[in-house]
């Protein structure tokens, strides 16, 4: 297996492990803000995946790039929705730890 295929398989394995991420949230971190951080990373990943398809194939892939951008946009919209709903139920909190701000 070449380095490119190995890197893609490693990334795929990591993505398949995302199902357990909800349980992997570090203690003391606010669920809504932690989720927002992970969703931001997934949105960046979607964009990067579209560009990677072009780089690997050596050809422009506008359909793939548009689909990847659309996925990233949907992920960010979902994150924003979660934050709107979550912030409406929470005290003002610091983004990372969830500790109340005085």
C-alpha atoms as a PDB file:
ATOM      1  CA  UNK A   1       0.000   0.000   0.000  1.00  0.00           C
ATOM      2  CA  UNK A   2       1.396   3.423  -0.876  1.00  0.00           C
ATOM      3  CA  UNK A   3       1.653   6.372   1.526  1.00  0.00           C
ATOM      4  CA  UNK A   4      -1.390   8.137   0.045  1.00  0.00           C
ATOM      5  CA  UNK A   5      -3.652   5.129   0.434  1.00  0.00           C
ATOM      6  CA  UNK A   6      -2.355   4.518   3.950  1.00  0.00           C
ATOM      7  CA  UNK A   7      -3.057   8.139   4.936  1.00  0.00           C
ATOM      8  CA  UNK A   8      -6.590   7.925   3.552  1.00  0.00           C
ATOM      9  CA  UNK A   9      -7.238   4.648   5.380  1.00  0.00           C
ATOM     10  CA  UNK A  10      -5.953   6.180   8.605  1.00  0.00           C
ATOM     11  CA  UNK A  11      -8.255   9.181   8.157  1.00  0.00           C
ATOM     12  CA  UNK A  12     -11.171   6.863   7.388  1.00  0.00           C
ATOM     13  CA  UNK A  13     -10.489   4.849  10.540  1.00  0.00           C
ATOM     14  CA  UNK A  14     -10.457   8.067  12.560  1.00  0.00           C
ATOM     15  CA  UNK A  15     -13.752   9.176  11.027  1.00  0.00           C
ATOM     16  CA  UNK A  16     -15.317   5.818  11.769  1.00  0.00           C
ATOM     17  CA  UNK A  17     -14.362   6.346  15.391  1.00  0.00           C
ATOM     18  CA  UNK A  18     -16.408   9.535  15.561  1.00  0.00           C
ATOM     19  CA  UNK A  19     -19.437   7.589  16.710  1.00  0.00           C
ATOM     20  CA  UNK A  20     -17.791   7.242  20.109  1.00  0.00           C
ATOM     21  CA  UNK A  21     -16.876  10.934  20.344  1.00  0.00           C
ATOM     22  CA  UNK A  22     -19.935  11.900  22.348  1.00  0.00           C
ATOM     23  CA  UNK A  23     -18.658   9.638  25.107  1.00  0.00           C
ATOM     24  CA  UNK A  24     -15.098  10.903  24.623  1.00  0.00           C
ATOM     25  CA  UNK A  25     -15.830  14.508  25.650  1.00  0.00           C
ATOM     26  CA  UNK A  26     -13.305  15.454  28.323  1.00  0.00           C
ATOM     27  CA  UNK A  27     -14.696  16.026  31.795  1.00  0.00           C
ATOM     28  CA  UNK A  28     -15.312  19.647  32.676  1.00  0.00           C
ATOM     29  CA  UNK A  29     -15.929  20.719  29.089  1.00  0.00           C
ATOM     30  CA  UNK A  30     -19.315  22.140  28.218  1.00  0.00           C
ATOM     31  CA  UNK A  31     -21.144  19.797  25.821  1.00  0.00           C
ATOM     32  CA  UNK A  32     -22.448  22.515  23.505  1.00  0.00           C
ATOM     33  CA  UNK A  33     -19.147  24.339  23.087  1.00  0.00           C
ATOM     34  CA  UNK A  34     -17.168  21.103  22.808  1.00  0.00           C
ATOM     35  CA  UNK A  35     -19.583  19.904  20.101  1.00  0.00           C
ATOM     36  CA  UNK A  36     -19.227  23.227  18.296  1.00  0.00           C
ATOM     37  CA  UNK A  37     -15.450  22.832  18.224  1.00  0.00           C
ATOM     38  CA  UNK A  38     -15.669  19.305  16.805  1.00  0.00           C
ATOM     39  CA  UNK A  39     -18.267  20.365  14.220  1.00  0.00           C
ATOM     40  CA  UNK A  40     -16.022  23.269  13.164  1.00  0.00           C
ATOM     41  CA  UNK A  41     -13.213  20.793  12.584  1.00  0.00           C
ATOM     42  CA  UNK A  42     -15.523  18.517  10.582  1.00  0.00           C
ATOM     43  CA  UNK A  43     -16.578  21.465   8.404  1.00  0.00           C
ATOM     44  CA  UNK A  44     -12.918  22.243   7.695  1.00  0.00           C
ATOM     45  CA  UNK A  45     -12.375  18.567   6.953  1.00  0.00           C
ATOM     46  CA  UNK A  46     -15.200  18.590   4.390  1.00  0.00           C
ATOM     47  CA  UNK A  47     -13.567  21.517   2.598  1.00  0.00           C
ATOM     48  CA  UNK A  48     -10.169  19.850   2.730  1.00  0.00           C
ATOM     49  CA  UNK A  49     -11.595  16.607   1.371  1.00  0.00           C
ATOM     50  CA  UNK A  50     -12.926  18.374  -1.723  1.00  0.00           C
ATOM     51  CA  UNK A  51      -9.515  19.893  -2.394  1.00  0.00           C
ATOM     52  CA  UNK A  52      -7.781  16.564  -1.734  1.00  0.00           C
ATOM     53  CA  UNK A  53      -9.867  14.881  -4.450  1.00  0.00           C
ATOM     54  CA  UNK A  54      -8.575  17.433  -6.937  1.00  0.00           C
ATOM     55  CA  UNK A  55      -4.992  17.105  -5.738  1.00  0.00           C
ATOM     56  CA  UNK A  56      -5.017  13.317  -5.860  1.00  0.00           C
ATOM     57  CA  UNK A  57      -6.722  13.121  -9.257  1.00  0.00           C
ATOM     58  CA  UNK A  58      -4.623  15.918 -10.732  1.00  0.00           C
ATOM     59  CA  UNK A  59      -7.748  17.431 -12.259  1.00  0.00           C
ATOM     60  CA  UNK A  60     -10.198  20.079 -11.214  1.00  0.00           C
ATOM     61  CA  UNK A  61     -13.353  18.620  -9.736  1.00  0.00           C
ATOM     62  CA  UNK A  62     -15.839  21.454  -9.455  1.00  0.00           C
ATOM     63  CA  UNK A  63     -18.740  19.117  -8.666  1.00  0.00           C
ATOM     64  CA  UNK A  64     -16.798  17.467  -5.857  1.00  0.00           C
ATOM     65  CA  UNK A  65     -15.590  20.822  -4.553  1.00  0.00           C
ATOM     66  CA  UNK A  66     -19.148  22.221  -4.570  1.00  0.00           C
ATOM     67  CA  UNK A  67     -20.485  19.148  -2.779  1.00  0.00           C
ATOM     68  CA  UNK A  68     -17.710  19.353  -0.169  1.00  0.00           C
ATOM     69  CA  UNK A  69     -18.380  23.060   0.354  1.00  0.00           C
ATOM     70  CA  UNK A  70     -22.109  22.362   0.672  1.00  0.00           C
ATOM     71  CA  UNK A  71     -21.404  19.680   3.290  1.00  0.00           C
ATOM     72  CA  UNK A  72     -19.196  22.091   5.215  1.00  0.00           C
ATOM     73  CA  UNK A  73     -21.929  24.727   5.081  1.00  0.00           C
ATOM     74  CA  UNK A  74     -24.519  22.253   6.362  1.00  0.00           C
ATOM     75  CA  UNK A  75     -22.243  21.191   9.213  1.00  0.00           C
ATOM     76  CA  UNK A  76     -21.751  24.823  10.260  1.00  0.00           C
ATOM     77  CA  UNK A  77     -25.503  25.463  10.054  1.00  0.00           C
ATOM     78  CA  UNK A  78     -26.113  22.432  12.274  1.00  0.00           C
ATOM     79  CA  UNK A  79     -23.497  23.654  14.739  1.00  0.00           C
ATOM     80  CA  UNK A  80     -25.099  27.095  14.806  1.00  0.00           C
ATOM     81  CA  UNK A  81     -28.500  25.540  15.443  1.00  0.00           C
ATOM     82  CA  UNK A  82     -27.147  23.488  18.335  1.00  0.00           C
ATOM     83  CA  UNK A  83     -25.493  26.536  19.841  1.00  0.00           C
ATOM     84  CA  UNK A  84     -28.639  28.651  19.534  1.00  0.00           C
ATOM     85  CA  UNK A  85     -30.710  25.995  21.261  1.00  0.00           C
ATOM     86  CA  UNK A  86     -28.068  25.202  23.855  1.00  0.00           C
ATOM     87  CA  UNK A  87     -27.228  28.772  24.749  1.00  0.00           C
ATOM     88  CA  UNK A  88     -30.878  29.535  25.329  1.00  0.00           C
ATOM     89  CA  UNK A  89     -30.921  26.937  28.115  1.00  0.00           C
ATOM     90  CA  UNK A  90     -27.550  27.694  29.705  1.00  0.00           C
ATOM     91  CA  UNK A  91     -26.063  30.334  31.930  1.00  0.00           C
ATOM     92  CA  UNK A  92     -23.353  32.363  30.239  1.00  0.00           C
ATOM     93  CA  UNK A  93     -20.341  30.065  30.155  1.00  0.00           C
ATOM     94  CA  UNK A  94     -16.774  30.055  29.002  1.00  0.00           C
ATOM     95  CA  UNK A  95     -16.433  28.283  25.657  1.00  0.00           C
ATOM     96  CA  UNK A  96     -14.085  25.534  26.743  1.00  0.00           C
ATOM     97  CA  UNK A  97     -14.849  24.597  30.321  1.00  0.00           C
ATOM     98  CA  UNK A  98     -18.450  25.561  30.845  1.00  0.00           C
ATOM     99  CA  UNK A  99     -17.500  27.383  34.060  1.00  0.00           C
ATOM    100  CA  UNK A 100     -19.912  30.194  34.863  1.00  0.00           C
ATOM    101  CA  UNK A 101     -18.656  33.656  34.039  1.00  0.00           C
ATOM    102  CA  UNK A 102     -19.029  36.141  36.890  1.00  0.00           C
END
